[in-house]
């Protein structure tokens, strides 16, 4: 039920991200599915876990037969954003092996024409979020190791404690 799902302001969502990222990063080697389920239920996120296999390029080189379809949770950020968190985990141990955070525009109430227009407009909210998250990650993890910018995508990668963090 969309009405019972978390609807947070930009600042509340950013605060949730910072505290969750800290908990996840520090405890990543012991983080398990039950723990992230409890965190997501507490904030009233909507479970969108798929029935079909989903892959991720950051998992290349791993035994994919041991990786379960990710648990995916959605939260709403006011006024028109959705925030998805995907947790890839080991089938047997249920330990988390990859976490993906993704913000998207919630265009579900827009007409087809308005969706096309919004896709072609520069998104200042997402640009500000990218800058805010980049600043947070720089202060938390140190200077990023890569910074790639094209006309369509901007991504940064940090390497710390044998962990990879990518922002795009």
Protein backbone atom coordinates (compact mmCIF):
# COMPACT_ATOMS: atom_id res chain seq x y z
CA UNK A 1 0.00 0.00 0.00
CA UNK A 2 1.64 3.21 -1.24
CA UNK A 3 -0.03 5.28 1.50
CA UNK A 4 1.71 3.41 4.33
CA UNK A 5 5.17 3.66 2.70
CA UNK A 6 7.69 6.14 4.07
CA UNK A 7 7.46 9.63 2.53
CA UNK A 8 10.42 11.67 3.67
CA UNK A 9 11.79 15.11 2.96
CA UNK A 10 15.11 15.57 1.15
CA UNK A 11 16.89 16.25 4.47
CA UNK A 12 15.26 13.30 6.28
CA UNK A 13 16.16 10.95 3.43
CA UNK A 14 19.73 12.24 3.38
CA UNK A 15 19.99 11.77 7.17
CA UNK A 16 18.66 8.21 6.80
CA UNK A 17 21.20 7.53 4.05
CA UNK A 18 24.12 8.88 6.12
CA UNK A 19 23.29 6.85 9.22
CA UNK A 20 22.52 3.69 7.22
CA UNK A 21 25.64 4.04 5.11
CA UNK A 22 27.75 4.39 8.23
CA UNK A 23 26.18 1.29 9.81
CA UNK A 24 26.48 -0.70 6.58
CA UNK A 25 30.07 0.34 5.84
CA UNK A 26 31.40 -0.33 9.35
CA UNK A 27 29.58 -3.69 9.69
CA UNK A 28 29.63 -4.79 6.05
CA UNK A 29 31.54 -8.05 6.66
CA UNK A 30 28.86 -9.24 9.10
CA UNK A 31 25.79 -7.52 7.61
CA UNK A 32 22.99 -9.98 6.89
CA UNK A 33 19.58 -9.98 5.24
CA UNK A 34 17.62 -10.16 8.50
CA UNK A 35 19.33 -7.01 9.78
CA UNK A 36 18.66 -4.95 6.63
CA UNK A 37 15.06 -6.21 6.53
CA UNK A 38 14.55 -4.86 10.05
CA UNK A 39 16.11 -1.49 9.13
CA UNK A 40 13.90 -1.15 6.05
CA UNK A 41 10.75 -2.25 7.91
CA UNK A 42 11.45 0.31 10.63
CA UNK A 43 11.40 3.14 8.10
CA UNK A 44 8.28 1.60 6.45
CA UNK A 45 9.93 0.94 3.09
CA UNK A 46 8.01 -0.99 0.44
CA UNK A 47 9.43 -4.40 -0.49
CA UNK A 48 9.73 -4.67 -4.30
CA UNK A 49 11.76 -7.87 -4.47
CA UNK A 50 11.43 -9.51 -7.88
CA UNK A 51 10.78 -13.16 -8.63
CA UNK A 52 13.25 -13.25 -11.50
CA UNK A 53 17.05 -13.19 -11.36
CA UNK A 54 18.66 -9.74 -11.35
CA UNK A 55 22.37 -9.27 -11.95
CA UNK A 56 24.81 -6.40 -11.36
CA UNK A 57 28.10 -5.68 -13.12
CA UNK A 58 29.89 -5.20 -9.78
CA UNK A 59 29.26 -8.90 -9.12
CA UNK A 60 31.21 -9.99 -12.20
CA UNK A 61 33.84 -12.55 -11.25
CA UNK A 62 31.77 -13.99 -8.38
CA UNK A 63 29.93 -17.31 -8.44
CA UNK A 64 26.47 -16.03 -9.42
CA UNK A 65 24.84 -19.35 -8.56
CA UNK A 66 25.50 -18.44 -4.90
CA UNK A 67 23.94 -14.96 -5.18
CA UNK A 68 20.22 -14.57 -4.57
CA UNK A 69 17.92 -12.13 -6.36
CA UNK A 70 18.36 -8.87 -4.45
CA UNK A 71 15.95 -7.68 -1.82
CA UNK A 72 14.72 -4.32 -3.13
CA UNK A 73 13.09 -1.65 -0.98
CA UNK A 74 11.45 1.61 -2.07
CA UNK A 75 10.96 4.77 -0.10
CA UNK A 76 9.42 8.02 -1.34
CA UNK A 77 11.14 11.35 -1.08
CA UNK A 78 8.93 14.39 -1.30
CA UNK A 79 7.92 15.88 -3.63
CA UNK A 80 8.55 13.46 -6.54
CA UNK A 81 11.46 11.09 -5.96
CA UNK A 82 11.71 7.40 -5.19
CA UNK A 83 14.70 5.94 -3.40
CA UNK A 84 15.49 2.29 -4.09
CA UNK A 85 17.88 0.21 -2.00
CA UNK A 86 18.91 -3.19 -3.42
CA UNK A 87 20.63 -5.75 -1.22
CA UNK A 88 22.45 -8.55 -3.05
CA UNK A 89 23.19 -11.47 -0.74
CA UNK A 90 24.59 -14.97 -0.50
CA UNK A 91 21.92 -17.69 -0.83
CA UNK A 92 23.21 -19.84 2.01
CA UNK A 93 24.65 -17.44 4.59
CA UNK A 94 22.25 -14.55 3.80
CA UNK A 95 25.25 -12.19 4.18
CA UNK A 96 25.06 -8.99 2.15
CA UNK A 97 27.64 -8.77 -0.63
CA UNK A 98 26.51 -5.60 -2.47
CA UNK A 99 24.23 -2.68 -1.63
CA UNK A 100 22.95 -0.36 -4.34
CA UNK A 101 21.28 2.97 -3.53
CA UNK A 102 19.36 4.57 -6.38
CA UNK A 103 17.22 7.69 -6.59
CA UNK A 104 14.72 8.09 -9.42
CA UNK A 105 12.13 10.63 -10.42
CA UNK A 106 8.65 9.37 -9.58
CA UNK A 107 6.90 10.13 -12.86
CA UNK A 108 3.98 7.77 -12.27
CA UNK A 109 1.42 10.60 -12.23
CA UNK A 110 2.77 12.37 -15.32
CA UNK A 111 1.35 12.04 -18.80
CA UNK A 112 3.49 10.35 -21.43
CA UNK A 113 4.35 13.74 -22.99
CA UNK A 114 5.35 15.22 -19.61
CA UNK A 115 7.58 12.19 -18.91
CA UNK A 116 9.46 12.79 -22.17
CA UNK A 117 9.90 16.48 -21.33
CA UNK A 118 11.05 15.72 -17.77
CA UNK A 119 13.56 13.14 -19.02
CA UNK A 120 15.17 15.75 -21.27
CA UNK A 121 15.31 18.52 -18.65
CA UNK A 122 18.34 18.87 -16.45
CA UNK A 123 17.41 17.53 -13.03
CA UNK A 124 18.66 20.02 -10.46
CA UNK A 125 17.42 17.94 -7.50
CA UNK A 126 19.48 14.94 -8.56
CA UNK A 127 22.46 17.14 -9.39
CA UNK A 128 22.32 18.65 -5.87
CA UNK A 129 21.93 15.18 -4.34
CA UNK A 130 24.92 13.90 -6.31
CA UNK A 131 27.01 16.82 -5.04
CA UNK A 132 25.79 16.38 -1.45
CA UNK A 133 26.44 12.62 -1.50
CA UNK A 134 29.82 13.13 -3.13
CA UNK A 135 30.79 15.60 -0.40
CA UNK A 136 29.57 13.20 2.31
CA UNK A 137 31.49 10.26 0.79
CA UNK A 138 34.64 12.38 0.36
CA UNK A 139 34.53 13.33 4.04
CA UNK A 140 33.74 9.75 5.11
CA UNK A 141 35.99 7.77 2.76
CA UNK A 142 38.60 10.29 1.59
CA UNK A 143 39.23 11.48 -1.95
CA UNK A 144 37.53 9.39 -4.65
CA UNK A 145 39.78 7.19 -6.79
CA UNK A 146 37.92 7.79 -10.08
CA UNK A 147 35.72 10.57 -11.40
CA UNK A 148 34.12 9.97 -14.81
CA UNK A 149 31.82 12.50 -16.44
CA UNK A 150 30.03 12.26 -19.79
CA UNK A 151 27.07 14.13 -21.26
CA UNK A 152 24.75 11.45 -19.83
CA UNK A 153 26.37 10.19 -16.67
CA UNK A 154 28.64 11.23 -13.84
CA UNK A 155 30.16 8.58 -11.60
CA UNK A 156 32.73 8.53 -8.83
CA UNK A 157 34.32 5.53 -7.15
CA UNK A 158 35.96 5.22 -3.74
CA UNK A 159 38.13 2.31 -2.58
CA UNK A 160 38.59 1.84 1.15
CA UNK A 161 39.17 -1.18 3.38
CA UNK A 162 38.78 -3.57 0.42
CA UNK A 163 35.35 -2.08 -0.26
CA UNK A 164 34.17 -0.32 -3.39
CA UNK A 165 31.67 2.55 -3.21
CA UNK A 166 30.28 3.92 -6.47
CA UNK A 167 28.14 7.02 -6.86
CA UNK A 168 26.48 7.68 -10.20
